[in-house]
Amino acid sequence: MQKLNVKKLGLAIGLTGALLYLGCMILMTTVGHDGTVKFFNNLLHGLDTSSVIRMDIPLWEAGIGIIETFILGWLIGACIAAIYNATIKEI
């Protein structure tokens, strides 16, 4: 089995999380509160998200959120790769 590159997997998962965050920002901007609630209610099997969706998010807060999402994604990807590499058996 081949080893995973810790930095590359971290980057891939971090960027994927940041893209999902950006997609959420675009969704909220384009469809408004009602459309956002409908989208996430459908995504979460009918769970009512109307009380937790906040639309008045300042740009600086969204910027911090996308950075935090990237960092957490990178750490998760790096941990997955490191644990995978530590547990594979050499042939």
Protein backbone atom coordinates (compact mmCIF):
# COMPACT_ATOMS: atom_id res chain seq x y z
CA MET A 1 0.00 0.00 0.00
CA GLN A 2 1.12 3.52 -0.67
CA LYS A 3 1.46 6.21 1.97
CA LEU A 4 -0.63 9.35 1.79
CA ASN A 5 1.00 12.76 1.56
CA VAL A 6 -0.05 14.47 4.79
CA LYS A 7 0.26 18.04 3.48
CA LYS A 8 -1.53 17.34 0.20
CA LEU A 9 -4.48 15.57 1.81
CA GLY A 10 -4.72 18.36 4.38
CA LEU A 11 -4.72 20.96 1.61
CA ALA A 12 -7.32 19.05 -0.40
CA ILE A 13 -9.73 18.74 2.50
CA GLY A 14 -9.07 22.30 3.69
CA LEU A 15 -9.77 23.76 0.24
CA THR A 16 -12.87 21.58 -0.16
CA GLY A 17 -14.24 22.89 3.14
CA ALA A 18 -13.46 26.48 2.13
CA LEU A 19 -15.24 25.96 -1.21
CA LEU A 20 -18.30 24.58 0.57
CA TYR A 21 -18.24 27.60 2.90
CA LEU A 22 -18.00 29.92 -0.11
CA GLY A 23 -20.88 28.06 -1.76
CA CYS A 24 -22.97 28.58 1.36
CA MET A 25 -22.13 32.30 1.29
CA ILE A 26 -23.22 32.53 -2.36
CA LEU A 27 -26.41 30.59 -1.63
CA MET A 28 -27.33 32.88 1.25
CA THR A 29 -26.62 35.99 -0.83
CA THR A 30 -28.60 34.90 -3.87
CA VAL A 31 -31.71 33.19 -2.45
CA GLY A 32 -32.24 35.09 0.81
CA HIS A 33 -33.44 33.79 4.15
CA ASP A 34 -36.44 31.77 2.96
CA GLY A 35 -34.51 30.04 0.18
CA THR A 36 -31.62 29.28 2.52
CA VAL A 37 -33.98 27.78 5.10
CA LYS A 38 -35.68 25.64 2.43
CA PHE A 39 -32.32 24.43 1.09
CA PHE A 40 -30.96 23.40 4.49
CA ASN A 41 -34.29 21.93 5.63
CA ASN A 42 -34.21 19.67 2.56
CA LEU A 43 -30.52 18.86 3.04
CA LEU A 44 -31.08 17.93 6.70
CA HIS A 45 -34.14 15.71 6.09
CA GLY A 46 -36.74 18.26 7.18
CA LEU A 47 -34.99 19.55 10.30
CA ASP A 48 -36.25 23.12 10.83
CA THR A 49 -33.24 25.43 10.50
CA SER A 50 -35.17 28.71 10.47
CA SER A 51 -34.22 29.59 14.04
CA VAL A 52 -30.46 29.04 13.55
CA ILE A 53 -29.86 30.67 10.16
CA ARG A 54 -28.56 34.21 10.58
CA MET A 55 -28.43 36.47 7.54
CA ASP A 56 -26.80 39.60 8.99
CA ILE A 57 -23.22 38.29 8.97
CA PRO A 58 -20.54 40.97 8.53
CA LEU A 59 -17.95 40.38 5.80
CA TRP A 60 -15.08 40.22 8.32
CA GLU A 61 -16.88 37.48 10.25
CA ALA A 62 -17.45 35.47 7.06
CA GLY A 63 -13.75 35.91 6.21
CA ILE A 64 -12.72 34.56 9.60
CA GLY A 65 -15.17 31.68 9.16
CA ILE A 66 -13.71 30.63 5.80
CA ILE A 67 -10.17 30.78 7.25
CA GLU A 68 -11.18 28.73 10.29
CA THR A 69 -12.94 26.20 8.05
CA PHE A 70 -9.80 25.84 5.92
CA ILE A 71 -7.56 25.39 8.99
CA LEU A 72 -9.86 22.78 10.55
CA GLY A 73 -10.13 20.95 7.22
CA TRP A 74 -6.35 20.97 6.82
CA LEU A 75 -5.87 19.59 10.34
CA ILE A 76 -8.51 16.89 9.79
CA GLY A 77 -6.96 15.85 6.45
CA ALA A 78 -3.46 15.81 7.91
CA CYS A 79 -4.63 13.70 10.86
CA ILE A 80 -6.40 11.23 8.57
CA ALA A 81 -3.28 10.85 6.41
CA ALA A 82 -0.95 10.54 9.41
CA ILE A 83 -3.12 7.93 11.11
CA TYR A 84 -3.55 6.03 7.83
CA ASN A 85 0.21 6.07 7.23
CA ALA A 86 0.93 4.91 10.78
CA THR A 87 -1.43 1.94 10.51
CA ILE A 88 -0.66 0.52 7.05
CA LYS A 89 1.47 -2.56 6.86
CA GLU A 90 4.58 -2.48 4.69
CA ILE A 91 4.73 -5.24 2.09
